[in-house]
C-alpha atoms as a PDB file:
ATOM      1  CA  MET A   1       0.000   0.000   0.000  1.00  0.00           C
ATOM      2  CA  CYS A   2       1.258   3.454  -0.939  1.00  0.00           C
ATOM      3  CA  PRO A   3       2.224   5.739   1.981  1.00  0.00           C
ATOM      4  CA  GLY A   4       0.569   8.709   0.255  1.00  0.00           C
ATOM      5  CA  MET A   5      -2.746   6.904  -0.113  1.00  0.00           C
ATOM      6  CA  ALA A   6      -4.226   8.309   3.119  1.00  0.00           C
ATOM      7  CA  PHE A   7      -3.145  11.823   2.103  1.00  0.00           C
ATOM      8  CA  GLY A   8      -4.677  11.422  -1.346  1.00  0.00           C
ATOM      9  CA  LEU A   9      -7.955  10.085   0.042  1.00  0.00           C
ATOM     10  CA  ALA A  10      -8.203  12.983   2.494  1.00  0.00           C
ATOM     11  CA  ASN A  11      -7.612  15.454  -0.341  1.00  0.00           C
ATOM     12  CA  ILE A  12     -10.539  13.956  -2.263  1.00  0.00           C
ATOM     13  CA  GLU A  13     -12.968  13.055   0.532  1.00  0.00           C
ATOM     14  CA  LEU A  14     -12.990  16.376   2.411  1.00  0.00           C
ATOM     15  CA  PRO A  15     -13.719  18.668  -0.576  1.00  0.00           C
ATOM     16  CA  LEU A  16     -16.304  16.200  -1.899  1.00  0.00           C
ATOM     17  CA  ALA A  17     -18.028  16.054   1.499  1.00  0.00           C
ATOM     18  CA  SER A  18     -18.034  19.859   1.620  1.00  0.00           C
ATOM     19  CA  LEU A  19     -19.642  20.088  -1.829  1.00  0.00           C
ATOM     20  CA  LEU A  20     -22.296  17.529  -0.906  1.00  0.00           C
ATOM     21  CA  PHE A  21     -23.049  19.271   2.404  1.00  0.00           C
ATOM     22  CA  HIS A  22     -23.283  22.878   1.177  1.00  0.00           C
ATOM     23  CA  PHE A  23     -25.128  22.332  -2.104  1.00  0.00           C
ATOM     24  CA  ASP A  24     -28.227  20.653  -3.465  1.00  0.00           C
ATOM     25  CA  TRP A  25     -27.657  19.362  -6.977  1.00  0.00           C
ATOM     26  CA  GLN A  26     -30.171  19.790  -9.793  1.00  0.00           C
ATOM     27  CA  TRP A  27     -29.841  17.745 -12.962  1.00  0.00           C
ATOM     28  CA  VAL A  28     -29.592  19.905 -16.094  1.00  0.00           C
ATOM     29  CA  GLY A  29     -30.974  17.818 -18.916  1.00  0.00           C
ATOM     30  CA  PRO A  30     -33.896  17.497 -21.302  1.00  0.00           C
ATOM     31  CA  CYS A  31     -35.947  15.023 -19.242  1.00  0.00           C
ATOM     32  CA  SER A  32     -35.202  13.060 -16.090  1.00  0.00           C
ATOM     33  CA  ALA A  33     -36.856   9.960 -17.579  1.00  0.00           C
ATOM     34  CA  LYS A  34     -34.251   9.901 -20.345  1.00  0.00           C
ATOM     35  CA  LEU A  35     -31.137   9.746 -18.162  1.00  0.00           C
ATOM     36  CA  ASP A  36     -28.751   7.565 -20.153  1.00  0.00           C
ATOM     37  CA  MET A  37     -26.602   5.327 -17.952  1.00  0.00           C
ATOM     38  CA  THR A  38     -24.716   3.498 -20.728  1.00  0.00           C
ATOM     39  CA  GLU A  39     -20.992   3.106 -20.247  1.00  0.00           C
ATOM     40  CA  ALA A  40     -18.104   3.876 -22.566  1.00  0.00           C
ATOM     41  CA  PHE A  41     -15.311   1.381 -22.083  1.00  0.00           C
ATOM     42  CA  GLY A  42     -11.651   2.250 -22.137  1.00  0.00           C
ATOM     43  CA  LEU A  43      -8.970   2.033 -19.499  1.00  0.00           C
ATOM     44  CA  THR A  44     -11.773   2.545 -16.952  1.00  0.00           C
ATOM     45  CA  ALA A  45     -15.547   2.266 -17.207  1.00  0.00           C
ATOM     46  CA  ARG A  46     -17.091   5.721 -17.470  1.00  0.00           C
ATOM     47  CA  ARG A  47     -20.375   7.249 -18.568  1.00  0.00           C
ATOM     48  CA  LYS A  48     -20.919   7.549 -22.301  1.00  0.00           C
ATOM     49  CA  ASP A  49     -22.568  10.976 -21.941  1.00  0.00           C
ATOM     50  CA  GLN A  50     -21.615  13.659 -19.448  1.00  0.00           C
ATOM     51  CA  LEU A  51     -23.746  14.204 -16.363  1.00  0.00           C
ATOM     52  CA  LEU A  52     -24.444  17.926 -16.054  1.00  0.00           C
ATOM     53  CA  LEU A  53     -25.470  19.181 -12.620  1.00  0.00           C
ATOM     54  CA  GLN A  54     -26.267  22.667 -11.362  1.00  0.00           C
ATOM     55  CA  PRO A  55     -25.310  23.472  -7.754  1.00  0.00           C
ATOM     56  CA  LEU A  56     -27.937  25.225  -5.639  1.00  0.00           C
ATOM     57  CA  LEU A  57     -26.617  26.769  -2.416  1.00  0.00           C
ATOM     58  CA  ARG A  58     -28.242  25.116   0.591  1.00  0.00           C
ATOM     59  CA  VAL A  59     -25.971  26.073   3.506  1.00  0.00           C
ATOM     60  CA  PRO A  60     -24.020  29.375   3.345  1.00  0.00           C
ATOM     61  CA  LEU A  61     -20.264  29.018   2.948  1.00  0.00           C
ATOM     62  CA  LEU A  62     -18.245  30.526   5.797  1.00  0.00           C
ATOM     63  CA  GLY A  63     -15.457  32.927   4.927  1.00  0.00           C
ATOM     64  CA  VAL A  64     -16.572  33.537   1.350  1.00  0.00           C
END
């Protein structure tokens, strides 16, 4: 196991948790019933089409 793994996880988990806590996310797309979940294969499995989300402020950010 890499010694920098804990550091890397902390650098991803804390900002992601902050984004999820402070914002509600609204899907920006033509219709929610037509959300395409097909995958495009390559080195990793990823979504074929991009997922576009709009952040809506839920909890005010401190110090901004």
